[in-house]
Amino acid sequence: MTLALNWFKSSHSSNDGPNCVEVAIAAATIHVRDTKDRHGPQLAFGERSWTGFIQSCSAES
């Protein structure tokens, strides 16, 4: 059985920019997709991988 994910737009996405992502949090994974291509590819991270991903993104800012 596939559960529906509750997607929300990232707080870092803007309404008029080309870089918009959505995130959905499931029991064991965090999912990320492109707002403009909702049926396209998605990334799925485990908790430790997500933490590392966010930390590496924060280091770039």
C-alpha atoms as a PDB file:
ATOM      1  CA  MET A   1       0.000   0.000   0.000  1.00  0.00           C
ATOM      2  CA  THR A   2       1.298   3.470  -0.900  1.00  0.00           C
ATOM      3  CA  LEU A   3       0.479   6.276   1.489  1.00  0.00           C
ATOM      4  CA  ALA A   4      -0.208   9.747   0.147  1.00  0.00           C
ATOM      5  CA  LEU A   5       2.433  12.266   1.101  1.00  0.00           C
ATOM      6  CA  ASN A   6       1.523  15.672   2.509  1.00  0.00           C
ATOM      7  CA  TRP A   7       3.680  18.035   0.422  1.00  0.00           C
ATOM      8  CA  PHE A   8       4.482  21.605   1.443  1.00  0.00           C
ATOM      9  CA  LYS A   9       6.487  24.306  -0.296  1.00  0.00           C
ATOM     10  CA  SER A  10       9.903  25.066   1.148  1.00  0.00           C
ATOM     11  CA  SER A  11      10.145  28.327   3.066  1.00  0.00           C
ATOM     12  CA  HIS A  12      13.164  29.142   0.867  1.00  0.00           C
ATOM     13  CA  SER A  13      11.080  28.944  -2.324  1.00  0.00           C
ATOM     14  CA  SER A  14       9.564  32.066  -3.825  1.00  0.00           C
ATOM     15  CA  ASN A  15       6.389  32.409  -5.850  1.00  0.00           C
ATOM     16  CA  ASP A  16       8.122  34.062  -8.800  1.00  0.00           C
ATOM     17  CA  GLY A  17      11.458  32.273  -8.958  1.00  0.00           C
ATOM     18  CA  PRO A  18      12.585  29.217 -10.891  1.00  0.00           C
ATOM     19  CA  ASN A  19      13.960  27.395  -7.831  1.00  0.00           C
ATOM     20  CA  CYS A  20      10.933  26.016  -5.993  1.00  0.00           C
ATOM     21  CA  VAL A  21      10.944  22.754  -4.086  1.00  0.00           C
ATOM     22  CA  GLU A  22       8.380  20.885  -2.044  1.00  0.00           C
ATOM     23  CA  VAL A  23       9.050  18.622   0.915  1.00  0.00           C
ATOM     24  CA  ALA A  24       7.019  15.784   2.434  1.00  0.00           C
ATOM     25  CA  ILE A  25       7.839  14.053   5.702  1.00  0.00           C
ATOM     26  CA  ALA A  26       7.021  10.364   6.070  1.00  0.00           C
ATOM     27  CA  ALA A  27       7.677   7.985   8.968  1.00  0.00           C
ATOM     28  CA  ALA A  28      11.220   7.056   7.930  1.00  0.00           C
ATOM     29  CA  THR A  29      12.028   9.396   5.042  1.00  0.00           C
ATOM     30  CA  ILE A  30      11.950  13.000   3.901  1.00  0.00           C
ATOM     31  CA  HIS A  31      10.951  13.480   0.255  1.00  0.00           C
ATOM     32  CA  VAL A  32      11.893  16.406  -1.998  1.00  0.00           C
ATOM     33  CA  ARG A  33      10.517  17.274  -5.443  1.00  0.00           C
ATOM     34  CA  ASP A  34      10.496  20.131  -7.938  1.00  0.00           C
ATOM     35  CA  THR A  35       7.315  22.210  -7.600  1.00  0.00           C
ATOM     36  CA  LYS A  36       7.176  22.682 -11.380  1.00  0.00           C
ATOM     37  CA  ASP A  37       7.457  18.916 -12.100  1.00  0.00           C
ATOM     38  CA  ARG A  38       5.353  17.249  -9.403  1.00  0.00           C
ATOM     39  CA  HIS A  39       5.159  13.958 -11.321  1.00  0.00           C
ATOM     40  CA  GLY A  40       8.877  13.938 -12.090  1.00  0.00           C
ATOM     41  CA  PRO A  41      11.734  12.467 -10.084  1.00  0.00           C
ATOM     42  CA  GLN A  42      11.870  12.807  -6.307  1.00  0.00           C
ATOM     43  CA  LEU A  43      14.636  12.503  -3.763  1.00  0.00           C
ATOM     44  CA  ALA A  44      14.118  10.510  -0.568  1.00  0.00           C
ATOM     45  CA  PHE A  45      16.409  10.920   2.443  1.00  0.00           C
ATOM     46  CA  GLY A  46      16.725   8.981   5.663  1.00  0.00           C
ATOM     47  CA  GLU A  47      16.954  11.096   8.824  1.00  0.00           C
ATOM     48  CA  ARG A  48      20.763  11.120   9.032  1.00  0.00           C
ATOM     49  CA  SER A  49      21.160  11.803   5.315  1.00  0.00           C
ATOM     50  CA  TRP A  50      18.613  14.644   5.493  1.00  0.00           C
ATOM     51  CA  THR A  51      20.468  16.238   8.410  1.00  0.00           C
ATOM     52  CA  GLY A  52      23.735  16.071   6.462  1.00  0.00           C
ATOM     53  CA  PHE A  53      22.071  17.463   3.334  1.00  0.00           C
ATOM     54  CA  ILE A  54      20.589  20.427   5.240  1.00  0.00           C
ATOM     55  CA  GLN A  55      23.899  21.112   6.994  1.00  0.00           C
ATOM     56  CA  SER A  56      25.767  21.119   3.690  1.00  0.00           C
ATOM     57  CA  CYS A  57      23.183  23.499   2.156  1.00  0.00           C
ATOM     58  CA  SER A  58      23.460  25.815   5.164  1.00  0.00           C
ATOM     59  CA  ALA A  59      27.235  25.878   4.843  1.00  0.00           C
ATOM     60  CA  GLU A  60      26.852  27.187   1.269  1.00  0.00           C
ATOM     61  CA  SER A  61      24.798  30.254   2.321  1.00  0.00           C
END
